[in-house]
Amino acid sequence: MKIFVNCFLLSLLFAFSSVQASERAQRGWQWIEEGAMVIDVRTPSEFNEDHLDQAVNYPLSELDKYIGNLDKSQPIVLYCRSGNRSGQALQYLSSKGFTALHNAGGLNEMKIEAPQ
């Protein structure tokens, strides 16, 4: 019985995570369609392998170098591989006074949720 309960709880967690991931990607696309800047915070080699057409590559480790090029009131959509680095970028940019930021998660979830 304990194994069944654990499996059930894990499946609920997975389902909730998937729903949450698709919602953040969908919201990211809404922002993009409304004119948001798109920043891929992965490494240059990851970016060169694949990226969204609209994206610029400002790696998380070098984000401070690009802040001067950004308008703090411009809506910005951030993404990476899984949503972790883009979450860190969101926190960093927020601490620097940026107000319109959205973590859209990972590249794959963005591609899955891309408008047709």
PDB file of N, CA and C in Angstrom:
ATOM      1  N   MET A   1       0.822  -1.195   0.000  1.00  0.00           N
ATOM      2  CA  MET A   1       0.000   0.000   0.000  1.00  0.00           C
ATOM      3  C   MET A   1       0.869   1.264   0.000  1.00  0.00           C
ATOM      4  N   LYS A   2       1.949   1.227   0.783  1.00  0.00           N
ATOM      5  CA  LYS A   2       2.844   2.371   0.873  1.00  0.00           C
ATOM      6  C   LYS A   2       3.476   2.679  -0.481  1.00  0.00           C
ATOM      7  N   ILE A   3       3.842   1.658  -1.219  1.00  0.00           N
ATOM      8  CA  ILE A   3       4.427   1.845  -2.549  1.00  0.00           C
ATOM      9  C   ILE A   3       3.408   2.488  -3.484  1.00  0.00           C
ATOM     10  N   PHE A   4       2.162   2.043  -3.401  1.00  0.00           N
ATOM     11  CA  PHE A   4       1.106   2.614  -4.237  1.00  0.00           C
ATOM     12  C   PHE A   4       0.928   4.100  -3.933  1.00  0.00           C
ATOM     13  N   VAL A   5       0.888   4.458  -2.669  1.00  0.00           N
ATOM     14  CA  VAL A   5       0.716   5.857  -2.271  1.00  0.00           C
ATOM     15  C   VAL A   5       1.892   6.693  -2.770  1.00  0.00           C
ATOM     16  N   ASN A   6       3.110   6.188  -2.616  1.00  0.00           N
ATOM     17  CA  ASN A   6       4.284   6.916  -3.101  1.00  0.00           C
ATOM     18  C   ASN A   6       4.248   7.098  -4.616  1.00  0.00           C
ATOM     19  N   CYS A   7       3.881   6.072  -5.345  1.00  0.00           N
ATOM     20  CA  CYS A   7       3.774   6.172  -6.809  1.00  0.00           C
ATOM     21  C   CYS A   7       2.701   7.176  -7.208  1.00  0.00           C
ATOM     22  N   PHE A   8       1.579   7.136  -6.503  1.00  0.00           N
ATOM     23  CA  PHE A   8       0.500   8.076  -6.783  1.00  0.00           C
ATOM     24  C   PHE A   8       0.951   9.512  -6.538  1.00  0.00           C
ATOM     25  N   LEU A   9       1.626   9.752  -5.425  1.00  0.00           N
ATOM     26  CA  LEU A   9       2.102  11.099  -5.108  1.00  0.00           C
ATOM     27  C   LEU A   9       3.135  11.571  -6.127  1.00  0.00           C
ATOM     28  N   LEU A  10       4.024  10.689  -6.541  1.00  0.00           N
ATOM     29  CA  LEU A  10       5.013  11.046  -7.565  1.00  0.00           C
ATOM     30  C   LEU A  10       4.352  11.385  -8.897  1.00  0.00           C
ATOM     31  N   SER A  11       3.326  10.626  -9.266  1.00  0.00           N
ATOM     32  CA  SER A  11       2.638  10.907 -10.526  1.00  0.00           C
ATOM     33  C   SER A  11       1.902  12.242 -10.461  1.00  0.00           C
ATOM     34  N   LEU A  12       1.329  12.565  -9.307  1.00  0.00           N
ATOM     35  CA  LEU A  12       0.687  13.869  -9.141  1.00  0.00           C
ATOM     36  C   LEU A  12       1.701  15.001  -9.251  1.00  0.00           C
ATOM     37  N   LEU A  13       2.843  14.814  -8.628  1.00  0.00           N
ATOM     38  CA  LEU A  13       3.902  15.817  -8.685  1.00  0.00           C
ATOM     39  C   LEU A  13       4.371  16.024 -10.118  1.00  0.00           C
ATOM     40  N   PHE A  14       4.550  14.937 -10.851  1.00  0.00           N
ATOM     41  CA  PHE A  14       4.970  15.030 -12.248  1.00  0.00           C
ATOM     42  C   PHE A  14       3.911  15.743 -13.085  1.00  0.00           C
ATOM     43  N   ALA A  15       2.666  15.389 -12.891  1.00  0.00           N
ATOM     44  CA  ALA A  15       1.575  16.013 -13.648  1.00  0.00           C
ATOM     45  C   ALA A  15       1.494  17.506 -13.348  1.00  0.00           C
ATOM     46  N   PHE A  16       1.604  17.874 -12.081  1.00  0.00           N
ATOM     47  CA  PHE A  16       1.554  19.282 -11.699  1.00  0.00           C
ATOM     48  C   PHE A  16       2.735  20.040 -12.281  1.00  0.00           C
ATOM     49  N   SER A  17       3.923  19.441 -12.261  1.00  0.00           N
ATOM     50  CA  SER A  17       5.112  20.085 -12.814  1.00  0.00           C
ATOM     51  C   SER A  17       4.951  20.320 -14.312  1.00  0.00           C
ATOM     52  N   SER A  18       4.380  19.356 -15.010  1.00  0.00           N
ATOM     53  CA  SER A  18       4.183  19.490 -16.456  1.00  0.00           C
ATOM     54  C   SER A  18       3.196  20.599 -16.771  1.00  0.00           C
ATOM     55  N   VAL A  19       2.118  20.676 -16.014  1.00  0.00           N
ATOM     56  CA  VAL A  19       1.122  21.723 -16.217  1.00  0.00           C
ATOM     57  C   VAL A  19       1.749  23.078 -15.942  1.00  0.00           C
ATOM     58  N   GLN A  20       2.480  23.179 -14.860  1.00  0.00           N
ATOM     59  CA  GLN A  20       3.125  24.432 -14.498  1.00  0.00           C
ATOM     60  C   GLN A  20       4.129  24.838 -15.583  1.00  0.00           C
ATOM     61  N   ALA A  21       4.883  23.887 -16.102  1.00  0.00           N
ATOM     62  CA  ALA A  21       5.873  24.175 -17.138  1.00  0.00           C
ATOM     63  C   ALA A  21       5.190  24.674 -18.404  1.00  0.00           C
ATOM     64  N   SER A  22       4.123  24.021 -18.819  1.00  0.00           N
ATOM     65  CA  SER A  22       3.462  24.461 -20.044  1.00  0.00           C
ATOM     66  C   SER A  22       2.817  25.826 -19.865  1.00  0.00           C
ATOM     67  N   GLU A  23       2.320  26.125 -18.676  1.00  0.00           N
ATOM     68  CA  GLU A  23       1.723  27.437 -18.420  1.00  0.00           C
ATOM     69  C   GLU A  23       2.772  28.536 -18.500  1.00  0.00           C
ATOM     70  N   ARG A  24       3.952  28.311 -17.965  1.00  0.00           N
ATOM     71  CA  ARG A  24       4.978  29.357 -18.027  1.00  0.00           C
ATOM     72  C   ARG A  24       5.465  29.557 -19.448  1.00  0.00           C
ATOM     73  N   ALA A  25       5.527  28.483 -20.236  1.00  0.00           N
ATOM     74  CA  ALA A  25       5.923  28.607 -21.639  1.00  0.00           C
ATOM     75  C   ALA A  25       4.837  29.332 -22.434  1.00  0.00           C
ATOM     76  N   GLN A  26       3.582  28.991 -22.195  1.00  0.00           N
ATOM     77  CA  GLN A  26       2.480  29.664 -22.886  1.00  0.00           C
ATOM     78  C   GLN A  26       2.474  31.157 -22.568  1.00  0.00           C
ATOM     79  N   ARG A  27       2.675  31.475 -21.319  1.00  0.00           N
ATOM     80  CA  ARG A  27       2.729  32.885 -20.924  1.00  0.00           C
ATOM     81  C   ARG A  27       3.928  33.578 -21.585  1.00  0.00           C
ATOM     82  N   GLY A  28       5.042  32.865 -21.674  1.00  0.00           N
ATOM     83  CA  GLY A  28       6.208  33.408 -22.370  1.00  0.00           C
ATOM     84  C   GLY A  28       5.887  33.770 -23.809  1.00  0.00           C
ATOM     85  N   TRP A  29       5.182  32.890 -24.503  1.00  0.00           N
ATOM     86  CA  TRP A  29       4.806  33.174 -25.888  1.00  0.00           C
ATOM     87  C   TRP A  29       3.854  34.358 -25.971  1.00  0.00           C
ATOM     88  N   GLN A  30       2.959  34.496 -25.002  1.00  0.00           N
ATOM     89  CA  GLN A  30       2.074  35.668 -24.996  1.00  0.00           C
ATOM     90  C   GLN A  30       2.895  36.945 -24.903  1.00  0.00           C
ATOM     91  N   TRP A  31       3.861  36.950 -24.006  1.00  0.00           N
ATOM     92  CA  TRP A  31       4.722  38.125 -23.858  1.00  0.00           C
ATOM     93  C   TRP A  31       5.489  38.396 -25.152  1.00  0.00           C
ATOM     94  N   ILE A  32       6.012  37.352 -25.775  1.00  0.00           N
ATOM     95  CA  ILE A  32       6.777  37.513 -27.021  1.00  0.00           C
ATOM     96  C   ILE A  32       5.888  38.112 -28.103  1.00  0.00           C
ATOM     97  N   GLU A  33       4.664  37.604 -28.218  1.00  0.00           N
ATOM     98  CA  GLU A  33       3.734  38.121 -29.222  1.00  0.00           C
ATOM     99  C   GLU A  33       3.387  39.584 -28.961  1.00  0.00           C
ATOM    100  N   GLU A  34       3.507  40.012 -27.698  1.00  0.00           N
ATOM    101  CA  GLU A  34       3.231  41.406 -27.345  1.00  0.00           C
ATOM    102  C   GLU A  34       4.477  42.284 -27.439  1.00  0.00           C
ATOM    103  N   GLY A  35       5.588  41.719 -27.923  1.00  0.00           N
ATOM    104  CA  GLY A  35       6.780  42.514 -28.171  1.00  0.00           C
ATOM    105  C   GLY A  35       7.906  42.393 -27.161  1.00  0.00           C
ATOM    106  N   ALA A  36       7.845  41.427 -26.277  1.00  0.00           N
ATOM    107  CA  ALA A  36       8.908  41.253 -25.286  1.00  0.00           C
ATOM    108  C   ALA A  36      10.219  40.848 -25.947  1.00  0.00           C
ATOM    109  N   MET A  37      11.307  41.297 -25.351  1.00  0.00           N
ATOM    110  CA  MET A  37      12.634  40.846 -25.756  1.00  0.00           C
ATOM    111  C   MET A  37      12.810  39.417 -25.254  1.00  0.00           C
ATOM    112  N   VAL A  38      13.527  38.591 -25.985  1.00  0.00           N
ATOM    113  CA  VAL A  38      13.735  37.196 -25.603  1.00  0.00           C
ATOM    114  C   VAL A  38      15.220  36.977 -25.360  1.00  0.00           C
ATOM    115  N   ILE A  39      15.553  36.531 -24.147  1.00  0.00           N
ATOM    116  CA  ILE A  39      16.948  36.293 -23.792  1.00  0.00           C
ATOM    117  C   ILE A  39      17.145  34.824 -23.418  1.00  0.00           C
ATOM    118  N   ASP A  40      18.060  34.191 -24.124  1.00  0.00           N
ATOM    119  CA  ASP A  40      18.491  32.825 -23.842  1.00  0.00           C
ATOM    120  C   ASP A  40      19.726  32.943 -22.950  1.00  0.00           C
ATOM    121  N   VAL A  41      19.656  32.429 -21.729  1.00  0.00           N
ATOM    122  CA  VAL A  41      20.769  32.588 -20.783  1.00  0.00           C
ATOM    123  C   VAL A  41      21.681  31.368 -20.731  1.00  0.00           C
ATOM    124  N   ARG A  42      21.559  30.478 -21.713  1.00  0.00           N
ATOM    125  CA  ARG A  42      22.440  29.313 -21.772  1.00  0.00           C
ATOM    126  C   ARG A  42      23.812  29.725 -22.297  1.00  0.00           C
ATOM    127  N   THR A  43      24.722  28.788 -22.334  1.00  0.00           N
ATOM    128  CA  THR A  43      26.072  29.058 -22.826  1.00  0.00           C
ATOM    129  C   THR A  43      26.035  29.293 -24.339  1.00  0.00           C
ATOM    130  N   PRO A  44      27.059  29.951 -24.881  1.00  0.00           N
ATOM    131  CA  PRO A  44      27.106  30.144 -26.335  1.00  0.00           C
ATOM    132  C   PRO A  44      27.062  28.830 -27.120  1.00  0.00           C
ATOM    133  N   SER A  45      27.707  27.788 -26.623  1.00  0.00           N
ATOM    134  CA  SER A  45      27.675  26.517 -27.357  1.00  0.00           C
ATOM    135  C   SER A  45      26.262  25.926 -27.357  1.00  0.00           C
ATOM    136  N   GLU A  46      25.548  26.022 -26.244  1.00  0.00           N
ATOM    137  CA  GLU A  46      24.161  25.559 -26.214  1.00  0.00           C
ATOM    138  C   GLU A  46      23.305  26.379 -27.182  1.00  0.00           C
ATOM    139  N   PHE A  47      23.501  27.688 -27.157  1.00  0.00           N
ATOM    140  CA  PHE A  47      22.753  28.583 -28.035  1.00  0.00           C
ATOM    141  C   PHE A  47      23.016  28.248 -29.501  1.00  0.00           C
ATOM    142  N   ASN A  48      24.281  27.983 -29.848  1.00  0.00           N
ATOM    143  CA  ASN A  48      24.631  27.665 -31.228  1.00  0.00           C
ATOM    144  C   ASN A  48      24.023  26.350 -31.699  1.00  0.00           C
ATOM    145  N   GLU A  49      23.791  25.425 -30.774  1.00  0.00           N
ATOM    146  CA  GLU A  49      23.154  24.153 -31.131  1.00  0.00           C
ATOM    147  C   GLU A  49      21.707  24.356 -31.537  1.00  0.00           C
ATOM    148  N   ASP A  50      20.990  25.202 -30.781  1.00  0.00           N
ATOM    149  CA  ASP A  50      19.569  25.436 -31.037  1.00  0.00           C
ATOM    150  C   ASP A  50      19.098  26.584 -30.154  1.00  0.00           C
ATOM    151  N   HIS A  51      18.192  27.371 -30.662  1.00  0.00           N
ATOM    152  CA  HIS A  51      17.623  28.484 -29.898  1.00  0.00           C
ATOM    153  C   HIS A  51      16.365  28.983 -30.602  1.00  0.00           C
ATOM    154  N   LEU A  52      15.595  29.790 -29.897  1.00  0.00           N
ATOM    155  CA  LEU A  52      14.438  30.428 -30.509  1.00  0.00           C
ATOM    156  C   LEU A  52      14.932  31.520 -31.455  1.00  0.00           C
ATOM    157  N   ASP A  53      14.263  31.661 -32.588  1.00  0.00           N
ATOM    158  CA  ASP A  53      14.681  32.636 -33.599  1.00  0.00           C
ATOM    159  C   ASP A  53      14.761  34.059 -33.045  1.00  0.00           C
ATOM    160  N   GLN A  54      13.863  34.406 -32.136  1.00  0.00           N
ATOM    161  CA  GLN A  54      13.780  35.766 -31.614  1.00  0.00           C
ATOM    162  C   GLN A  54      14.837  36.066 -30.553  1.00  0.00           C
ATOM    163  N   ALA A  55      15.533  35.066 -30.094  1.00  0.00           N
ATOM    164  CA  ALA A  55      16.384  35.200 -28.904  1.00  0.00           C
ATOM    165  C   ALA A  55      17.749  35.801 -29.184  1.00  0.00           C
ATOM    166  N   VAL A  56      18.228  36.522 -28.160  1.00  0.00           N
ATOM    167  CA  VAL A  56      19.627  36.915 -28.105  1.00  0.00           C
ATOM    168  C   VAL A  56      20.270  36.067 -27.017  1.00  0.00           C
ATOM    169  N   ASN A  57      21.552  35.832 -27.140  1.00  0.00           N
ATOM    170  CA  ASN A  57      22.255  34.996 -26.172  1.00  0.00           C
ATOM    171  C   ASN A  57      23.053  35.857 -25.206  1.00  0.00           C
ATOM    172  N   TYR A  58      22.534  35.973 -23.994  1.00  0.00           N
ATOM    173  CA  TYR A  58      23.226  36.644 -22.898  1.00  0.00           C
ATOM    174  C   TYR A  58      23.427  35.595 -21.812  1.00  0.00           C
ATOM    175  N   PRO A  59      24.538  34.856 -21.851  1.00  0.00           N
ATOM    176  CA  PRO A  59      24.748  33.773 -20.880  1.00  0.00           C
ATOM    177  C   PRO A  59      24.633  34.275 -19.438  1.00  0.00           C
ATOM    178  N   LEU A  60      24.063  33.450 -18.590  1.00  0.00           N
ATOM    179  CA  LEU A  60      23.886  33.804 -17.189  1.00  0.00           C
ATOM    180  C   LEU A  60      25.192  34.267 -16.565  1.00  0.00           C
ATOM    181  N   SER A  61      26.285  33.577 -16.867  1.00  0.00           N
ATOM    182  CA  SER A  61      27.578  33.912 -16.258  1.00  0.00           C
ATOM    183  C   SER A  61      28.117  35.269 -16.715  1.00  0.00           C
ATOM    184  N   GLU A  62      27.549  35.826 -17.790  1.00  0.00           N
ATOM    185  CA  GLU A  62      28.011  37.108 -18.320  1.00  0.00           C
ATOM    186  C   GLU A  62      26.907  38.159 -18.345  1.00  0.00           C
ATOM    187  N   LEU A  63      25.802  37.887 -17.687  1.00  0.00           N
ATOM    188  CA  LEU A  63      24.634  38.763 -17.773  1.00  0.00           C
ATOM    189  C   LEU A  63      24.943  40.198 -17.361  1.00  0.00           C
ATOM    190  N   ASP A  64      25.821  40.360 -16.391  1.00  0.00           N
ATOM    191  CA  ASP A  64      26.167  41.707 -15.931  1.00  0.00           C
ATOM    192  C   ASP A  64      26.786  42.551 -17.049  1.00  0.00           C
ATOM    193  N   LYS A  65      27.408  41.922 -18.041  1.00  0.00           N
ATOM    194  CA  LYS A  65      28.022  42.643 -19.158  1.00  0.00           C
ATOM    195  C   LYS A  65      26.975  43.268 -20.082  1.00  0.00           C
ATOM    196  N   TYR A  66      25.777  42.725 -20.086  1.00  0.00           N
ATOM    197  CA  TYR A  66      24.742  43.142 -21.024  1.00  0.00           C
ATOM    198  C   TYR A  66      23.702  44.077 -20.422  1.00  0.00           C
ATOM    199  N   ILE A  67      23.717  44.259 -19.117  1.00  0.00           N
ATOM    200  CA  ILE A  67      22.687  45.061 -18.457  1.00  0.00           C
ATOM    201  C   ILE A  67      22.598  46.467 -19.043  1.00  0.00           C
ATOM    202  N   GLY A  68      23.718  47.051 -19.373  1.00  0.00           N
ATOM    203  CA  GLY A  68      23.719  48.403 -19.926  1.00  0.00           C
ATOM    204  C   GLY A  68      22.984  48.514 -21.249  1.00  0.00           C
ATOM    205  N   ASN A  69      22.823  47.406 -21.964  1.00  0.00           N
ATOM    206  CA  ASN A  69      22.127  47.395 -23.253  1.00  0.00           C
ATOM    207  C   ASN A  69      20.619  47.226 -23.103  1.00  0.00           C
ATOM    208  N   LEU A  70      20.155  47.005 -21.878  1.00  0.00           N
ATOM    209  CA  LEU A  70      18.756  46.670 -21.659  1.00  0.00           C
ATOM    210  C   LEU A  70      17.980  47.829 -21.046  1.00  0.00           C
ATOM    211  N   ASP A  71      16.728  47.956 -21.462  1.00  0.00           N
ATOM    212  CA  ASP A  71      15.804  48.933 -20.899  1.00  0.00           C
ATOM    213  C   ASP A  71      15.084  48.255 -19.731  1.00  0.00           C
ATOM    214  N   LYS A  72      15.190  48.852 -18.550  1.00  0.00           N
ATOM    215  CA  LYS A  72      14.618  48.221 -17.350  1.00  0.00           C
ATOM    216  C   LYS A  72      13.104  48.074 -17.400  1.00  0.00           C
ATOM    217  N   SER A  73      12.443  48.839 -18.240  1.00  0.00           N
ATOM    218  CA  SER A  73      10.980  48.725 -18.332  1.00  0.00           C
ATOM    219  C   SER A  73      10.525  47.852 -19.499  1.00  0.00           C
ATOM    220  N   GLN A  74      11.457  47.442 -20.362  1.00  0.00           N
ATOM    221  CA  GLN A  74      11.134  46.571 -21.505  1.00  0.00           C
ATOM    222  C   GLN A  74      10.763  45.183 -20.999  1.00  0.00           C
ATOM    223  N   PRO A  75       9.620  44.652 -21.407  1.00  0.00           N
ATOM    224  CA  PRO A  75       9.294  43.275 -21.030  1.00  0.00           C
ATOM    225  C   PRO A  75      10.343  42.315 -21.587  1.00  0.00           C
ATOM    226  N   ILE A  76      10.787  41.393 -20.739  1.00  0.00           N
ATOM    227  CA  ILE A  76      11.826  40.435 -21.115  1.00  0.00           C
ATOM    228  C   ILE A  76      11.378  39.026 -20.745  1.00  0.00           C
ATOM    229  N   VAL A  77      11.487  38.125 -21.714  1.00  0.00           N
ATOM    230  CA  VAL A  77      11.228  36.704 -21.495  1.00  0.00           C
ATOM    231  C   VAL A  77      12.585  36.019 -21.445  1.00  0.00           C
ATOM    232  N   LEU A  78      12.804  35.253 -20.393  1.00  0.00           N
ATOM    233  CA  LEU A  78      14.055  34.526 -20.187  1.00  0.00           C
ATOM    234  C   LEU A  78      13.805  33.031 -20.332  1.00  0.00           C
ATOM    235  N   TYR A  79      14.745  32.327 -20.931  1.00  0.00           N
ATOM    236  CA  TYR A  79      14.661  30.863 -20.958  1.00  0.00           C
ATOM    237  C   TYR A  79      16.067  30.279 -20.956  1.00  0.00           C
ATOM    238  N   CYS A  80      16.152  28.992 -20.654  1.00  0.00           N
ATOM    239  CA  CYS A  80      17.425  28.262 -20.645  1.00  0.00           C
ATOM    240  C   CYS A  80      17.148  26.828 -21.078  1.00  0.00           C
ATOM    241  N   ARG A  81      17.733  25.871 -20.411  1.00  0.00           N
ATOM    242  CA  ARG A  81      17.484  24.467 -20.740  1.00  0.00           C
ATOM    243  C   ARG A  81      16.316  23.914 -19.929  1.00  0.00           C
ATOM    244  N   SER A  82      16.270  24.277 -18.635  1.00  0.00           N
ATOM    245  CA  SER A  82      15.246  23.696 -17.767  1.00  0.00           C
ATOM    246  C   SER A  82      14.402  24.722 -17.022  1.00  0.00           C
ATOM    247  N   GLY A  83      14.835  25.957 -17.011  1.00  0.00           N
ATOM    248  CA  GLY A  83      14.153  26.988 -16.236  1.00  0.00           C
ATOM    249  C   GLY A  83      14.932  27.415 -15.008  1.00  0.00           C
ATOM    250  N   ASN A  84      15.983  26.680 -14.660  1.00  0.00           N
ATOM    251  CA  ASN A  84      16.779  26.998 -13.481  1.00  0.00           C
ATOM    252  C   ASN A  84      17.616  28.258 -13.685  1.00  0.00           C
ATOM    253  N   ARG A  85      18.428  28.259 -14.735  1.00  0.00           N
ATOM    254  CA  ARG A  85      19.280  29.431 -14.985  1.00  0.00           C
ATOM    255  C   ARG A  85      18.447  30.664 -15.320  1.00  0.00           C
ATOM    256  N   SER A  86      17.355  30.479 -16.051  1.00  0.00           N
ATOM    257  CA  SER A  86      16.512  31.636 -16.354  1.00  0.00           C
ATOM    258  C   SER A  86      15.849  32.165 -15.079  1.00  0.00           C
ATOM    259  N   GLY A  87      15.589  31.289 -14.120  1.00  0.00           N
ATOM    260  CA  GLY A  87      15.087  31.734 -12.820  1.00  0.00           C
ATOM    261  C   GLY A  87      16.127  32.548 -12.069  1.00  0.00           C
ATOM    262  N   GLN A  88      17.370  32.110 -12.146  1.00  0.00           N
ATOM    263  CA  GLN A  88      18.458  32.858 -11.518  1.00  0.00           C
ATOM    264  C   GLN A  88      18.636  34.216 -12.196  1.00  0.00           C
ATOM    265  N   ALA A  89      18.538  34.231 -13.517  1.00  0.00           N
ATOM    266  CA  ALA A  89      18.658  35.483 -14.266  1.00  0.00           C
ATOM    267  C   ALA A  89      17.529  36.439 -13.886  1.00  0.00           C
ATOM    268  N   LEU A  90      16.329  35.907 -13.725  1.00  0.00           N
ATOM    269  CA  LEU A  90      15.194  36.728 -13.323  1.00  0.00           C
ATOM    270  C   LEU A  90      15.463  37.372 -11.965  1.00  0.00           C
ATOM    271  N   GLN A  91      15.941  36.592 -11.019  1.00  0.00           N
ATOM    272  CA  GLN A  91      16.245  37.138  -9.695  1.00  0.00           C
ATOM    273  C   GLN A  91      17.326  38.204  -9.774  1.00  0.00           C
ATOM    274  N   TYR A  92      18.356  37.958 -10.556  1.00  0.00           N
ATOM    275  CA  TYR A  92      19.455  38.914 -10.691  1.00  0.00           C
ATOM    276  C   TYR A  92      18.961  40.220 -11.315  1.00  0.00           C
ATOM    277  N   LEU A  93      18.227  40.107 -12.423  1.00  0.00           N
ATOM    278  CA  LEU A  93      17.734  41.314 -13.092  1.00  0.00           C
ATOM    279  C   LEU A  93      16.740  42.065 -12.208  1.00  0.00           C
ATOM    280  N   SER A  94      15.918  41.344 -11.483  1.00  0.00           N
ATOM    281  CA  SER A  94      14.985  41.992 -10.540  1.00  0.00           C
ATOM    282  C   SER A  94      15.748  42.794  -9.503  1.00  0.00           C
ATOM    283  N   SER A  95      16.852  42.239  -9.016  1.00  0.00           N
ATOM    284  CA  SER A  95      17.645  42.934  -7.999  1.00  0.00           C
ATOM    285  C   SER A  95      18.305  44.190  -8.557  1.00  0.00           C
ATOM    286  N   LYS A  96      18.406  44.278  -9.888  1.00  0.00           N
ATOM    287  CA  LYS A  96      19.007  45.440 -10.543  1.00  0.00           C
ATOM    288  C   LYS A  96      17.962  46.443 -11.019  1.00  0.00           C
ATOM    289  N   GLY A  97      16.691  46.216 -10.656  1.00  0.00           N
ATOM    290  CA  GLY A  97      15.635  47.180 -10.970  1.00  0.00           C
ATOM    291  C   GLY A  97      14.785  46.877 -12.187  1.00  0.00           C
ATOM    292  N   PHE A  98      14.976  45.723 -12.795  1.00  0.00           N
ATOM    293  CA  PHE A  98      14.131  45.355 -13.931  1.00  0.00           C
ATOM    294  C   PHE A  98      12.769  44.923 -13.398  1.00  0.00           C
ATOM    295  N   THR A  99      11.711  45.368 -14.078  1.00  0.00           N
ATOM    296  CA  THR A  99      10.373  45.168 -13.525  1.00  0.00           C
ATOM    297  C   THR A  99       9.464  44.261 -14.338  1.00  0.00           C
ATOM    298  N   ALA A 100       9.749  44.056 -15.605  1.00  0.00           N
ATOM    299  CA  ALA A 100       8.867  43.264 -16.464  1.00  0.00           C
ATOM    300  C   ALA A 100       9.612  42.031 -16.960  1.00  0.00           C
ATOM    301  N   LEU A 101       9.687  41.018 -16.107  1.00  0.00           N
ATOM    302  CA  LEU A 101      10.448  39.806 -16.404  1.00  0.00           C
ATOM    303  C   LEU A 101       9.562  38.579 -16.302  1.00  0.00           C
ATOM    304  N   HIS A 102       9.836  37.598 -17.171  1.00  0.00           N
ATOM    305  CA  HIS A 102       9.121  36.326 -17.087  1.00  0.00           C
ATOM    306  C   HIS A 102      10.080  35.185 -17.375  1.00  0.00           C
ATOM    307  N   ASN A 103      10.091  34.190 -16.497  1.00  0.00           N
ATOM    308  CA  ASN A 103      10.856  32.964 -16.700  1.00  0.00           C
ATOM    309  C   ASN A 103       9.965  31.990 -17.463  1.00  0.00           C
ATOM    310  N   ALA A 104      10.274  31.786 -18.747  1.00  0.00           N
ATOM    311  CA  ALA A 104       9.467  30.906 -19.585  1.00  0.00           C
ATOM    312  C   ALA A 104       9.932  29.461 -19.521  1.00  0.00           C
ATOM    313  N   GLY A 105      10.950  29.183 -18.716  1.00  0.00           N
ATOM    314  CA  GLY A 105      11.393  27.811 -18.529  1.00  0.00           C
ATOM    315  C   GLY A 105      12.466  27.386 -19.508  1.00  0.00           C
ATOM    316  N   GLY A 106      12.296  26.181 -20.053  1.00  0.00           N
ATOM    317  CA  GLY A 106      13.297  25.587 -20.917  1.00  0.00           C
ATOM    318  C   GLY A 106      12.970  25.695 -22.393  1.00  0.00           C
ATOM    319  N   LEU A 107      13.996  25.597 -23.211  1.00  0.00           N
ATOM    320  CA  LEU A 107      13.843  25.688 -24.665  1.00  0.00           C
ATOM    321  C   LEU A 107      12.860  24.645 -25.186  1.00  0.00           C
ATOM    322  N   ASN A 108      12.968  23.411 -24.740  1.00  0.00           N
ATOM    323  CA  ASN A 108      12.072  22.363 -25.251  1.00  0.00           C
ATOM    324  C   ASN A 108      10.616  22.650 -24.927  1.00  0.00           C
ATOM    325  N   GLU A 109      10.344  23.107 -23.697  1.00  0.00           N
ATOM    326  CA  GLU A 109       8.946  23.407 -23.373  1.00  0.00           C
ATOM    327  C   GLU A 109       8.452  24.609 -24.156  1.00  0.00           C
ATOM    328  N   MET A 110       9.344  25.566 -24.446  1.00  0.00           N
ATOM    329  CA  MET A 110       8.963  26.706 -25.277  1.00  0.00           C
ATOM    330  C   MET A 110       8.609  26.234 -26.688  1.00  0.00           C
ATOM    331  N   LYS A 111       9.398  25.314 -27.207  1.00  0.00           N
ATOM    332  CA  LYS A 111       9.133  24.804 -28.557  1.00  0.00           C
ATOM    333  C   LYS A 111       7.817  24.010 -28.598  1.00  0.00           C
ATOM    334  N   ILE A 112       7.561  23.234 -27.554  1.00  0.00           N
ATOM    335  CA  ILE A 112       6.319  22.453 -27.504  1.00  0.00           C
ATOM    336  C   ILE A 112       5.106  23.371 -27.485  1.00  0.00           C
ATOM    337  N   GLU A 113       5.218  24.472 -26.777  1.00  0.00           N
ATOM    338  CA  GLU A 113       4.087  25.399 -26.610  1.00  0.00           C
ATOM    339  C   GLU A 113       4.057  26.505 -27.662  1.00  0.00           C
ATOM    340  N   ALA A 114       4.960  26.461 -28.636  1.00  0.00           N
ATOM    341  CA  ALA A 114       5.016  27.517 -29.660  1.00  0.00           C
ATOM    342  C   ALA A 114       3.696  27.631 -30.401  1.00  0.00           C
ATOM    343  N   PRO A 115       3.261  28.865 -30.646  1.00  0.00           N
ATOM    344  CA  PRO A 115       2.020  29.050 -31.416  1.00  0.00           C
ATOM    345  C   PRO A 115       2.172  28.447 -32.803  1.00  0.00           C
ATOM    346  N   GLN A 116       1.087  27.925 -33.306  1.00  0.00           N
ATOM    347  CA  GLN A 116       1.115  27.298 -34.646  1.00  0.00           C
ATOM    348  C   GLN A 116       1.035  28.321 -35.701  1.00  0.00           C
TER     349      GLN A 116
END
